[in-house]
Structures are given as C-alpha cells and as structure tokens.
Amino acid sequence: MTRSGARLSTAMMALLALAGCATGPMSPTAAPAPPAVAAAPVGLDQDFLNRAATGTNGQVQLGRLAQQRGFAPAVRSFGAHIAAEHARANARLMELAQRLGMMANPGMPNLSDLAVLGGPDFDRQFIADQMTNQREALALFQGEAQLGQEPRLRRFARDWVPILQRDLQRTQAIASRTGS
C-alpha cells in the first residue's frame, strides 16, 4: 500500500469511528441496556488463575520450609501435607490452564521472614501465616466457584473448597495445640 493509501485508510477508519459517535443523542424513552449480570468478566478467571498459581506455589515452598525448620512434629507433618497437596493442586491448575489456552502469571512468594526463624518462633509464625493464607485461599476459591465465567475453572475451584476448609480447620487445631 502506498503512503497516500495508508493515510486514506487511516482517515476512513477515523471517519467511521466519528460516524458511529454522531448518531445523535438517545431518545428520552430509550434506556441503555442493563449490564449482563450472569457472566463474570474474563479478567476474573485470569485473576483467579494468577492468584491461585501464586498461592499454590507459595504453599508448596512454605510447606517444604516447615518440614525443614518446624519445631513441633505437628508443624513438620502439616508442612509436608501442605507441600504435597498444593503441588498436586498447582499441577492440576497448570494442566487446566493449558487446556483452556490460558497462561498463569504467578507472583513470587516472599519467604524471607520465615526463613530466618527456627524452633517455636518458626512454628508460631508459620501457623499464623497459614491461618491468613488458608482464609485468603478459601475466599479466592469460593469467589471463583460462584462468579467465574469458565465452567472448568469454576469446577476446579468448587472441588478444592472443601479441601481448603479442612486445611483451615487443621491449621486452627494446630494453633490451639501449639499455642500459636
């Protein structure tokens, strides 16, 4: 296409856009269509995917750290459970994302605060962090299960809600036994 042809094409696109805007004001009897309530924005599914990938990766790393640095046997055992369970969840999530043609963009967890602790101090902080992490994960997964647009992501989230609820209860039980 020549330079003048490119300018003409650009000018035509601009005129078409302006013509669409110049249809005049809406009549007083015409009301704008209400937004669709049933469908959640696609961004919600992508946000879930990113946050779930970040969370599951972080939980795997936290669980492994608890296995190494935990003082109480219950904390070390729970760390092993969390690492294995969340590694399984992450693998399923990444497989599902690939089938859906989506790409997770997980953030990097910051373990520096826990990595310097040991003994009972580690246990207290790990369990406190787990209480927060489990509650946030539960809210995230419940939100996707209810509002997600992609049915397979909704089902994935719905399947993991009871597991996250159980982990939160287990975290609370460990907290009460260890005084965390």
N, C-alpha and C. Protein backbone atom coordinates (compact mmCIF):
# COMPACT_ATOMS: atom_id res chain seq x y z
N MET A 1 0.85 -1.17 0.00
CA MET A 1 0.00 0.00 0.00
C MET A 1 0.89 1.23 0.00
N THR A 2 0.50 2.21 -0.77
CA THR A 2 1.28 3.44 -0.86
C THR A 2 1.05 4.28 0.38
N ARG A 3 1.90 5.26 0.53
CA ARG A 3 1.80 6.15 1.68
C ARG A 3 0.48 6.90 1.70
N SER A 4 0.05 7.38 0.52
CA SER A 4 -1.22 8.11 0.46
C SER A 4 -2.38 7.14 0.69
N GLY A 5 -2.23 5.87 0.26
CA GLY A 5 -3.27 4.88 0.51
C GLY A 5 -3.39 4.57 2.00
N ALA A 6 -2.28 4.54 2.70
CA ALA A 6 -2.29 4.30 4.14
C ALA A 6 -2.97 5.45 4.86
N ARG A 7 -2.67 6.71 4.40
CA ARG A 7 -3.32 7.87 5.02
C ARG A 7 -4.81 7.84 4.78
N LEU A 8 -5.20 7.47 3.57
CA LEU A 8 -6.62 7.40 3.23
C LEU A 8 -7.31 6.34 4.08
N SER A 9 -6.66 5.20 4.26
CA SER A 9 -7.22 4.12 5.06
C SER A 9 -7.39 4.56 6.51
N THR A 10 -6.40 5.25 7.06
CA THR A 10 -6.46 5.75 8.42
C THR A 10 -7.57 6.79 8.55
N ALA A 11 -7.68 7.66 7.55
CA ALA A 11 -8.72 8.69 7.57
C ALA A 11 -10.10 8.05 7.50
N MET A 12 -10.25 7.01 6.70
CA MET A 12 -11.55 6.31 6.60
C MET A 12 -11.93 5.69 7.94
N MET A 13 -10.96 5.09 8.62
CA MET A 13 -11.23 4.47 9.92
C MET A 13 -11.67 5.54 10.92
N ALA A 14 -11.00 6.69 10.90
CA ALA A 14 -11.36 7.77 11.81
C ALA A 14 -12.76 8.28 11.51
N LEU A 15 -13.09 8.44 10.23
CA LEU A 15 -14.43 8.90 9.86
C LEU A 15 -15.50 7.91 10.27
N LEU A 16 -15.23 6.63 10.10
CA LEU A 16 -16.19 5.61 10.52
C LEU A 16 -16.41 5.65 12.03
N ALA A 17 -15.35 5.85 12.77
CA ALA A 17 -15.47 5.94 14.22
C ALA A 17 -16.28 7.16 14.61
N LEU A 18 -16.02 8.30 13.96
CA LEU A 18 -16.78 9.52 14.25
C LEU A 18 -18.24 9.37 13.85
N ALA A 19 -18.49 8.71 12.74
CA ALA A 19 -19.87 8.50 12.31
C ALA A 19 -20.63 7.67 13.32
N GLY A 20 -19.98 6.71 13.91
CA GLY A 20 -20.63 5.90 14.94
C GLY A 20 -20.98 6.72 16.15
N CYS A 21 -20.18 7.72 16.46
CA CYS A 21 -20.43 8.58 17.61
C CYS A 21 -21.49 9.63 17.31
N ALA A 22 -21.68 9.95 16.03
CA ALA A 22 -22.55 11.06 15.66
C ALA A 22 -23.97 10.62 15.35
N THR A 23 -24.40 9.53 15.88
CA THR A 23 -25.76 9.08 15.60
C THR A 23 -26.79 9.89 16.35
N GLY A 24 -26.35 10.78 17.18
CA GLY A 24 -27.27 11.66 17.88
C GLY A 24 -27.59 11.13 19.27
N PRO A 25 -28.17 11.99 20.09
CA PRO A 25 -28.49 11.56 21.44
C PRO A 25 -29.62 10.54 21.43
N MET A 26 -29.65 9.75 22.48
CA MET A 26 -30.70 8.74 22.59
C MET A 26 -32.01 9.44 22.90
N SER A 27 -33.08 8.87 22.42
CA SER A 27 -34.38 9.45 22.72
C SER A 27 -34.68 9.26 24.20
N PRO A 28 -35.50 10.12 24.77
CA PRO A 28 -35.76 10.03 26.20
C PRO A 28 -36.43 8.72 26.59
N THR A 29 -37.11 8.04 25.67
CA THR A 29 -37.79 6.81 26.04
C THR A 29 -36.86 5.60 25.97
N ALA A 30 -35.74 5.72 25.29
CA ALA A 30 -34.83 4.60 25.17
C ALA A 30 -33.86 4.59 26.36
N ALA A 31 -33.81 3.49 27.04
CA ALA A 31 -32.89 3.34 28.17
C ALA A 31 -31.74 2.44 27.75
N PRO A 32 -30.58 2.69 28.30
CA PRO A 32 -29.45 1.81 27.96
C PRO A 32 -29.70 0.39 28.46
N ALA A 33 -29.19 -0.56 27.75
CA ALA A 33 -29.36 -1.96 28.14
C ALA A 33 -28.63 -2.20 29.45
N PRO A 34 -29.23 -2.95 30.37
CA PRO A 34 -28.56 -3.24 31.64
C PRO A 34 -27.36 -4.15 31.39
N PRO A 35 -26.34 -4.03 32.20
CA PRO A 35 -25.18 -4.89 32.03
C PRO A 35 -25.55 -6.34 32.33
N ALA A 36 -24.87 -7.24 31.67
CA ALA A 36 -25.12 -8.66 31.90
C ALA A 36 -24.66 -9.03 33.30
N VAL A 37 -25.54 -9.60 34.08
CA VAL A 37 -25.23 -9.96 35.46
C VAL A 37 -24.73 -11.39 35.53
N ALA A 38 -25.20 -12.25 34.68
CA ALA A 38 -24.89 -13.66 34.78
C ALA A 38 -23.44 -13.97 34.47
N ALA A 39 -22.83 -13.24 33.57
CA ALA A 39 -21.47 -13.56 33.16
C ALA A 39 -20.47 -12.67 33.87
N ALA A 40 -19.47 -13.29 34.47
CA ALA A 40 -18.40 -12.55 35.11
C ALA A 40 -17.38 -12.17 34.03
N PRO A 41 -16.65 -11.11 34.24
CA PRO A 41 -15.65 -10.74 33.25
C PRO A 41 -14.56 -11.79 33.14
N VAL A 42 -14.02 -11.94 31.94
CA VAL A 42 -12.96 -12.91 31.71
C VAL A 42 -11.77 -12.59 32.62
N GLY A 43 -11.57 -11.33 32.93
CA GLY A 43 -10.48 -10.93 33.80
C GLY A 43 -10.55 -11.59 35.16
N LEU A 44 -11.75 -11.89 35.63
CA LEU A 44 -11.90 -12.57 36.91
C LEU A 44 -11.28 -13.96 36.86
N ASP A 45 -11.50 -14.68 35.77
CA ASP A 45 -10.90 -16.01 35.62
C ASP A 45 -9.39 -15.91 35.56
N GLN A 46 -8.87 -14.94 34.82
CA GLN A 46 -7.41 -14.78 34.72
C GLN A 46 -6.83 -14.38 36.08
N ASP A 47 -7.52 -13.50 36.79
CA ASP A 47 -7.07 -13.10 38.12
C ASP A 47 -7.03 -14.31 39.05
N PHE A 48 -8.08 -15.12 38.99
CA PHE A 48 -8.11 -16.34 39.80
C PHE A 48 -6.92 -17.24 39.45
N LEU A 49 -6.70 -17.45 38.17
CA LEU A 49 -5.61 -18.31 37.72
C LEU A 49 -4.27 -17.78 38.25
N ASN A 50 -4.03 -16.50 38.12
CA ASN A 50 -2.77 -15.91 38.59
C ASN A 50 -2.61 -16.04 40.10
N ARG A 51 -3.66 -15.69 40.82
CA ARG A 51 -3.59 -15.73 42.29
C ARG A 51 -3.53 -17.15 42.81
N ALA A 52 -4.27 -18.07 42.19
CA ALA A 52 -4.22 -19.47 42.61
C ALA A 52 -2.85 -20.08 42.33
N ALA A 53 -2.25 -19.74 41.21
CA ALA A 53 -0.91 -20.24 40.89
C ALA A 53 0.11 -19.69 41.88
N THR A 54 0.00 -18.41 42.20
CA THR A 54 0.89 -17.81 43.18
C THR A 54 0.73 -18.49 44.53
N GLY A 55 -0.52 -18.66 44.94
CA GLY A 55 -0.80 -19.27 46.24
C GLY A 55 -0.34 -20.71 46.35
N THR A 56 -0.63 -21.50 45.33
CA THR A 56 -0.24 -22.91 45.41
C THR A 56 1.28 -23.05 45.38
N ASN A 57 1.96 -22.26 44.54
CA ASN A 57 3.43 -22.28 44.53
C ASN A 57 3.99 -21.87 45.89
N GLY A 58 3.43 -20.82 46.45
CA GLY A 58 3.89 -20.34 47.75
C GLY A 58 3.66 -21.37 48.85
N GLN A 59 2.53 -22.03 48.82
CA GLN A 59 2.23 -23.03 49.84
C GLN A 59 3.17 -24.22 49.74
N VAL A 60 3.53 -24.61 48.52
CA VAL A 60 4.50 -25.70 48.36
C VAL A 60 5.82 -25.31 49.03
N GLN A 61 6.27 -24.10 48.76
CA GLN A 61 7.54 -23.64 49.34
C GLN A 61 7.45 -23.49 50.85
N LEU A 62 6.33 -22.96 51.34
CA LEU A 62 6.14 -22.82 52.79
C LEU A 62 6.08 -24.19 53.46
N GLY A 63 5.39 -25.12 52.84
CA GLY A 63 5.30 -26.47 53.41
C GLY A 63 6.66 -27.13 53.50
N ARG A 64 7.46 -26.98 52.47
CA ARG A 64 8.82 -27.55 52.50
C ARG A 64 9.68 -26.89 53.57
N LEU A 65 9.52 -25.58 53.71
CA LEU A 65 10.25 -24.87 54.74
C LEU A 65 9.83 -25.35 56.13
N ALA A 66 8.55 -25.59 56.32
CA ALA A 66 8.05 -26.09 57.61
C ALA A 66 8.60 -27.48 57.91
N GLN A 67 8.76 -28.29 56.90
CA GLN A 67 9.34 -29.62 57.10
C GLN A 67 10.78 -29.50 57.60
N GLN A 68 11.50 -28.51 57.12
CA GLN A 68 12.90 -28.35 57.48
C GLN A 68 13.10 -27.61 58.80
N ARG A 69 12.30 -26.55 59.02
CA ARG A 69 12.57 -25.65 60.15
C ARG A 69 11.57 -25.78 61.29
N GLY A 70 10.50 -26.54 61.07
CA GLY A 70 9.49 -26.67 62.11
C GLY A 70 10.04 -27.34 63.36
N PHE A 71 9.56 -26.92 64.50
CA PHE A 71 9.99 -27.47 65.79
C PHE A 71 9.07 -28.61 66.22
N ALA A 72 7.78 -28.35 66.21
CA ALA A 72 6.81 -29.35 66.64
C ALA A 72 6.57 -30.37 65.53
N PRO A 73 6.46 -31.64 65.89
CA PRO A 73 6.17 -32.67 64.87
C PRO A 73 4.89 -32.37 64.09
N ALA A 74 3.89 -31.80 64.75
CA ALA A 74 2.63 -31.48 64.06
C ALA A 74 2.85 -30.43 62.99
N VAL A 75 3.73 -29.49 63.23
CA VAL A 75 4.03 -28.44 62.24
C VAL A 75 4.79 -29.04 61.07
N ARG A 76 5.77 -29.88 61.35
CA ARG A 76 6.52 -30.52 60.27
C ARG A 76 5.61 -31.42 59.43
N SER A 77 4.76 -32.17 60.08
CA SER A 77 3.82 -33.05 59.37
C SER A 77 2.84 -32.24 58.53
N PHE A 78 2.33 -31.17 59.11
CA PHE A 78 1.39 -30.32 58.37
C PHE A 78 2.09 -29.66 57.19
N GLY A 79 3.34 -29.27 57.37
CA GLY A 79 4.12 -28.71 56.27
C GLY A 79 4.24 -29.70 55.12
N ALA A 80 4.51 -30.97 55.43
CA ALA A 80 4.61 -31.99 54.39
C ALA A 80 3.27 -32.16 53.68
N HIS A 81 2.20 -32.15 54.44
CA HIS A 81 0.85 -32.28 53.87
C HIS A 81 0.55 -31.10 52.94
N ILE A 82 0.83 -29.90 53.41
CA ILE A 82 0.55 -28.69 52.62
C ILE A 82 1.38 -28.70 51.33
N ALA A 83 2.66 -29.05 51.43
CA ALA A 83 3.53 -29.06 50.25
C ALA A 83 3.01 -30.06 49.21
N ALA A 84 2.66 -31.25 49.64
CA ALA A 84 2.20 -32.28 48.70
C ALA A 84 0.84 -31.91 48.11
N GLU A 85 -0.06 -31.46 48.95
CA GLU A 85 -1.41 -31.14 48.48
C GLU A 85 -1.41 -29.97 47.49
N HIS A 86 -0.65 -28.96 47.80
CA HIS A 86 -0.63 -27.78 46.93
C HIS A 86 0.18 -28.02 45.66
N ALA A 87 1.15 -28.92 45.73
CA ALA A 87 1.86 -29.30 44.49
C ALA A 87 0.88 -30.00 43.55
N ARG A 88 0.03 -30.84 44.11
CA ARG A 88 -1.00 -31.51 43.31
C ARG A 88 -1.99 -30.50 42.74
N ALA A 89 -2.42 -29.55 43.56
CA ALA A 89 -3.37 -28.52 43.09
C ALA A 89 -2.74 -27.68 41.99
N ASN A 90 -1.48 -27.31 42.17
CA ASN A 90 -0.80 -26.48 41.17
C ASN A 90 -0.66 -27.23 39.85
N ALA A 91 -0.32 -28.51 39.92
CA ALA A 91 -0.18 -29.30 38.69
C ALA A 91 -1.51 -29.38 37.95
N ARG A 92 -2.60 -29.60 38.68
CA ARG A 92 -3.93 -29.66 38.05
C ARG A 92 -4.31 -28.31 37.47
N LEU A 93 -3.99 -27.24 38.19
CA LEU A 93 -4.32 -25.90 37.72
C LEU A 93 -3.55 -25.57 36.44
N MET A 94 -2.27 -25.89 36.40
CA MET A 94 -1.47 -25.59 35.21
C MET A 94 -1.93 -26.44 34.01
N GLU A 95 -2.30 -27.68 34.27
CA GLU A 95 -2.82 -28.55 33.21
C GLU A 95 -4.13 -27.98 32.66
N LEU A 96 -5.00 -27.54 33.55
CA LEU A 96 -6.28 -26.96 33.15
C LEU A 96 -6.05 -25.66 32.36
N ALA A 97 -5.17 -24.82 32.84
CA ALA A 97 -4.87 -23.56 32.14
C ALA A 97 -4.38 -23.84 30.73
N GLN A 98 -3.53 -24.83 30.58
CA GLN A 98 -3.01 -25.17 29.26
C GLN A 98 -4.14 -25.64 28.35
N ARG A 99 -5.04 -26.48 28.87
CA ARG A 99 -6.16 -26.94 28.05
C ARG A 99 -7.08 -25.79 27.66
N LEU A 100 -7.16 -24.78 28.50
CA LEU A 100 -8.03 -23.63 28.22
C LEU A 100 -7.33 -22.58 27.37
N GLY A 101 -6.06 -22.79 27.10
CA GLY A 101 -5.30 -21.81 26.33
C GLY A 101 -4.98 -20.56 27.13
N MET A 102 -4.93 -20.70 28.45
CA MET A 102 -4.63 -19.58 29.33
C MET A 102 -3.20 -19.73 29.85
N MET A 103 -2.65 -18.62 30.28
CA MET A 103 -1.29 -18.64 30.82
C MET A 103 -1.31 -18.00 32.19
N ALA A 104 -0.82 -18.74 33.19
CA ALA A 104 -0.75 -18.19 34.54
C ALA A 104 0.43 -17.23 34.63
N ASN A 105 0.25 -16.18 35.39
CA ASN A 105 1.31 -15.21 35.64
C ASN A 105 1.46 -15.09 37.16
N PRO A 106 2.05 -16.12 37.78
CA PRO A 106 2.13 -16.11 39.24
C PRO A 106 3.17 -15.14 39.77
N GLY A 107 2.91 -14.63 40.95
CA GLY A 107 3.88 -13.80 41.64
C GLY A 107 4.84 -14.68 42.43
N MET A 108 5.87 -14.09 42.93
CA MET A 108 6.87 -14.82 43.71
C MET A 108 6.61 -14.62 45.19
N PRO A 109 6.49 -15.71 45.94
CA PRO A 109 6.26 -15.56 47.38
C PRO A 109 7.54 -15.08 48.08
N ASN A 110 7.35 -14.36 49.16
CA ASN A 110 8.48 -13.87 49.95
C ASN A 110 8.55 -14.71 51.23
N LEU A 111 9.55 -15.55 51.31
CA LEU A 111 9.71 -16.44 52.46
C LEU A 111 10.80 -15.95 53.41
N SER A 112 11.34 -14.78 53.17
CA SER A 112 12.49 -14.31 53.94
C SER A 112 12.20 -14.18 55.43
N ASP A 113 11.00 -13.75 55.80
CA ASP A 113 10.68 -13.59 57.22
C ASP A 113 10.70 -14.94 57.94
N LEU A 114 10.14 -15.96 57.31
CA LEU A 114 10.11 -17.28 57.94
C LEU A 114 11.45 -18.00 57.86
N ALA A 115 12.20 -17.77 56.81
CA ALA A 115 13.46 -18.50 56.59
C ALA A 115 14.49 -18.21 57.68
N VAL A 116 14.38 -17.08 58.35
CA VAL A 116 15.36 -16.73 59.38
C VAL A 116 14.94 -17.25 60.76
N LEU A 117 13.72 -17.75 60.87
CA LEU A 117 13.24 -18.23 62.16
C LEU A 117 13.50 -19.72 62.32
N GLY A 118 13.50 -20.15 63.56
CA GLY A 118 13.62 -21.57 63.86
C GLY A 118 12.91 -21.88 65.16
N GLY A 119 12.74 -23.16 65.43
CA GLY A 119 12.14 -23.60 66.69
C GLY A 119 10.72 -23.13 66.86
N PRO A 120 10.33 -22.89 68.11
CA PRO A 120 8.95 -22.47 68.39
C PRO A 120 8.57 -21.14 67.72
N ASP A 121 9.55 -20.26 67.52
CA ASP A 121 9.25 -18.99 66.84
C ASP A 121 8.80 -19.25 65.40
N PHE A 122 9.49 -20.18 64.75
CA PHE A 122 9.08 -20.54 63.39
C PHE A 122 7.67 -21.10 63.41
N ASP A 123 7.41 -22.03 64.33
CA ASP A 123 6.09 -22.67 64.39
C ASP A 123 4.98 -21.65 64.55
N ARG A 124 5.16 -20.72 65.48
CA ARG A 124 4.13 -19.69 65.72
C ARG A 124 3.88 -18.86 64.47
N GLN A 125 4.96 -18.41 63.83
CA GLN A 125 4.80 -17.56 62.64
C GLN A 125 4.23 -18.35 61.47
N PHE A 126 4.69 -19.58 61.30
CA PHE A 126 4.18 -20.43 60.21
C PHE A 126 2.68 -20.65 60.36
N ILE A 127 2.24 -20.99 61.55
CA ILE A 127 0.82 -21.25 61.78
C ILE A 127 0.01 -19.96 61.63
N ALA A 128 0.52 -18.85 62.10
CA ALA A 128 -0.17 -17.56 61.92
C ALA A 128 -0.31 -17.24 60.43
N ASP A 129 0.78 -17.46 59.68
CA ASP A 129 0.72 -17.23 58.23
C ASP A 129 -0.26 -18.19 57.56
N GLN A 130 -0.28 -19.43 58.02
CA GLN A 130 -1.20 -20.40 57.44
C GLN A 130 -2.65 -20.02 57.68
N MET A 131 -2.94 -19.49 58.84
CA MET A 131 -4.32 -19.04 59.12
C MET A 131 -4.73 -17.99 58.09
N THR A 132 -3.85 -17.04 57.85
CA THR A 132 -4.13 -15.99 56.87
C THR A 132 -4.21 -16.56 55.47
N ASN A 133 -3.22 -17.37 55.10
CA ASN A 133 -3.18 -17.95 53.74
C ASN A 133 -4.40 -18.81 53.45
N GLN A 134 -4.78 -19.64 54.42
CA GLN A 134 -5.92 -20.55 54.21
C GLN A 134 -7.22 -19.75 54.05
N ARG A 135 -7.38 -18.72 54.86
CA ARG A 135 -8.60 -17.89 54.74
C ARG A 135 -8.65 -17.18 53.39
N GLU A 136 -7.52 -16.62 52.97
CA GLU A 136 -7.48 -15.93 51.68
C GLU A 136 -7.72 -16.89 50.53
N ALA A 137 -7.11 -18.07 50.60
CA ALA A 137 -7.31 -19.07 49.54
C ALA A 137 -8.75 -19.52 49.49
N LEU A 138 -9.34 -19.74 50.64
CA LEU A 138 -10.74 -20.16 50.69
C LEU A 138 -11.65 -19.10 50.06
N ALA A 139 -11.43 -17.84 50.38
CA ALA A 139 -12.23 -16.76 49.79
C ALA A 139 -12.02 -16.69 48.28
N LEU A 140 -10.78 -16.82 47.83
CA LEU A 140 -10.48 -16.79 46.40
C LEU A 140 -11.19 -17.91 45.66
N PHE A 141 -11.09 -19.12 46.17
CA PHE A 141 -11.68 -20.28 45.51
C PHE A 141 -13.20 -20.24 45.57
N GLN A 142 -13.77 -19.78 46.69
CA GLN A 142 -15.23 -19.64 46.76
C GLN A 142 -15.72 -18.60 45.76
N GLY A 143 -14.98 -17.51 45.62
CA GLY A 143 -15.36 -16.48 44.66
C GLY A 143 -15.36 -17.00 43.24
N GLU A 144 -14.33 -17.75 42.87
CA GLU A 144 -14.27 -18.31 41.52
C GLU A 144 -15.37 -19.35 41.32
N ALA A 145 -15.62 -20.16 42.34
CA ALA A 145 -16.66 -21.19 42.24
C ALA A 145 -18.03 -20.57 41.98
N GLN A 146 -18.25 -19.36 42.51
CA GLN A 146 -19.55 -18.70 42.35
C GLN A 146 -19.61 -17.77 41.14
N LEU A 147 -18.53 -17.07 40.85
CA LEU A 147 -18.58 -15.99 39.87
C LEU A 147 -17.77 -16.23 38.60
N GLY A 148 -16.96 -17.26 38.57
CA GLY A 148 -16.11 -17.49 37.43
C GLY A 148 -16.91 -17.74 36.16
N GLN A 149 -16.37 -17.29 35.04
CA GLN A 149 -17.06 -17.44 33.76
C GLN A 149 -16.74 -18.79 33.12
N GLU A 150 -15.53 -19.25 33.26
CA GLU A 150 -15.11 -20.51 32.63
C GLU A 150 -15.58 -21.68 33.51
N PRO A 151 -16.47 -22.53 32.98
CA PRO A 151 -17.03 -23.62 33.78
C PRO A 151 -16.00 -24.58 34.36
N ARG A 152 -14.93 -24.84 33.63
CA ARG A 152 -13.92 -25.78 34.13
C ARG A 152 -13.11 -25.18 35.27
N LEU A 153 -12.85 -23.88 35.23
CA LEU A 153 -12.18 -23.23 36.36
C LEU A 153 -13.11 -23.17 37.56
N ARG A 154 -14.39 -22.90 37.30
CA ARG A 154 -15.38 -22.90 38.40
C ARG A 154 -15.43 -24.25 39.08
N ARG A 155 -15.45 -25.31 38.30
CA ARG A 155 -15.50 -26.68 38.85
C ARG A 155 -14.22 -26.99 39.64
N PHE A 156 -13.07 -26.60 39.09
CA PHE A 156 -11.80 -26.80 39.79
C PHE A 156 -11.85 -26.11 41.16
N ALA A 157 -12.27 -24.86 41.18
CA ALA A 157 -12.35 -24.11 42.43
C ALA A 157 -13.33 -24.76 43.39
N ARG A 158 -14.49 -25.14 42.88
CA ARG A 158 -15.52 -25.77 43.72
C ARG A 158 -14.99 -27.07 44.32
N ASP A 159 -14.22 -27.84 43.57
CA ASP A 159 -13.67 -29.10 44.07
C ASP A 159 -12.65 -28.89 45.19
N TRP A 160 -11.95 -27.76 45.15
CA TRP A 160 -10.92 -27.50 46.15
C TRP A 160 -11.43 -26.78 47.39
N VAL A 161 -12.62 -26.23 47.36
CA VAL A 161 -13.15 -25.51 48.53
C VAL A 161 -13.20 -26.42 49.77
N PRO A 162 -13.74 -27.64 49.70
CA PRO A 162 -13.76 -28.47 50.91
C PRO A 162 -12.36 -28.82 51.42
N ILE A 163 -11.42 -28.98 50.53
CA ILE A 163 -10.04 -29.28 50.93
C ILE A 163 -9.45 -28.09 51.68
N LEU A 164 -9.69 -26.89 51.17
CA LEU A 164 -9.19 -25.69 51.84
C LEU A 164 -9.88 -25.48 53.19
N GLN A 165 -11.17 -25.79 53.27
CA GLN A 165 -11.87 -25.69 54.54
C GLN A 165 -11.27 -26.65 55.57
N ARG A 166 -10.98 -27.87 55.13
CA ARG A 166 -10.38 -28.87 56.01
C ARG A 166 -8.99 -28.41 56.47
N ASP A 167 -8.21 -27.84 55.55
CA ASP A 167 -6.88 -27.36 55.92
C ASP A 167 -6.95 -26.20 56.91
N LEU A 168 -7.93 -25.33 56.74
CA LEU A 168 -8.10 -24.24 57.69
C LEU A 168 -8.45 -24.79 59.07
N GLN A 169 -9.33 -25.77 59.13
CA GLN A 169 -9.68 -26.39 60.42
C GLN A 169 -8.46 -27.05 61.05
N ARG A 170 -7.67 -27.72 60.22
CA ARG A 170 -6.47 -28.37 60.73
C ARG A 170 -5.48 -27.33 61.24
N THR A 171 -5.35 -26.23 60.54
CA THR A 171 -4.46 -25.15 60.97
C THR A 171 -4.93 -24.59 62.31
N GLN A 172 -6.24 -24.40 62.45
CA GLN A 172 -6.78 -23.89 63.71
C GLN A 172 -6.53 -24.86 64.86
N ALA A 173 -6.65 -26.16 64.60
CA ALA A 173 -6.39 -27.17 65.64
C ALA A 173 -4.93 -27.16 66.05
N ILE A 174 -4.02 -27.05 65.10
CA ILE A 174 -2.59 -26.99 65.42
C ILE A 174 -2.30 -25.72 66.20
N ALA A 175 -2.92 -24.62 65.81
CA ALA A 175 -2.71 -23.35 66.52
C ALA A 175 -3.13 -23.47 67.97
N SER A 176 -4.24 -24.12 68.23
CA SER A 176 -4.70 -24.24 69.61
C SER A 176 -3.81 -25.20 70.41
N ARG A 177 -3.30 -26.26 69.76
CA ARG A 177 -2.42 -27.21 70.46
C ARG A 177 -1.04 -26.62 70.73
N THR A 178 -0.53 -25.81 69.81
CA THR A 178 0.81 -25.27 69.96
C THR A 178 0.83 -23.89 70.61
N GLY A 179 -0.34 -23.34 70.86
CA GLY A 179 -0.41 -22.01 71.47
C GLY A 179 -0.03 -20.89 70.52
N SER A 180 -0.18 -21.15 69.24
CA SER A 180 0.16 -20.14 68.22
C SER A 180 -0.93 -19.13 68.07
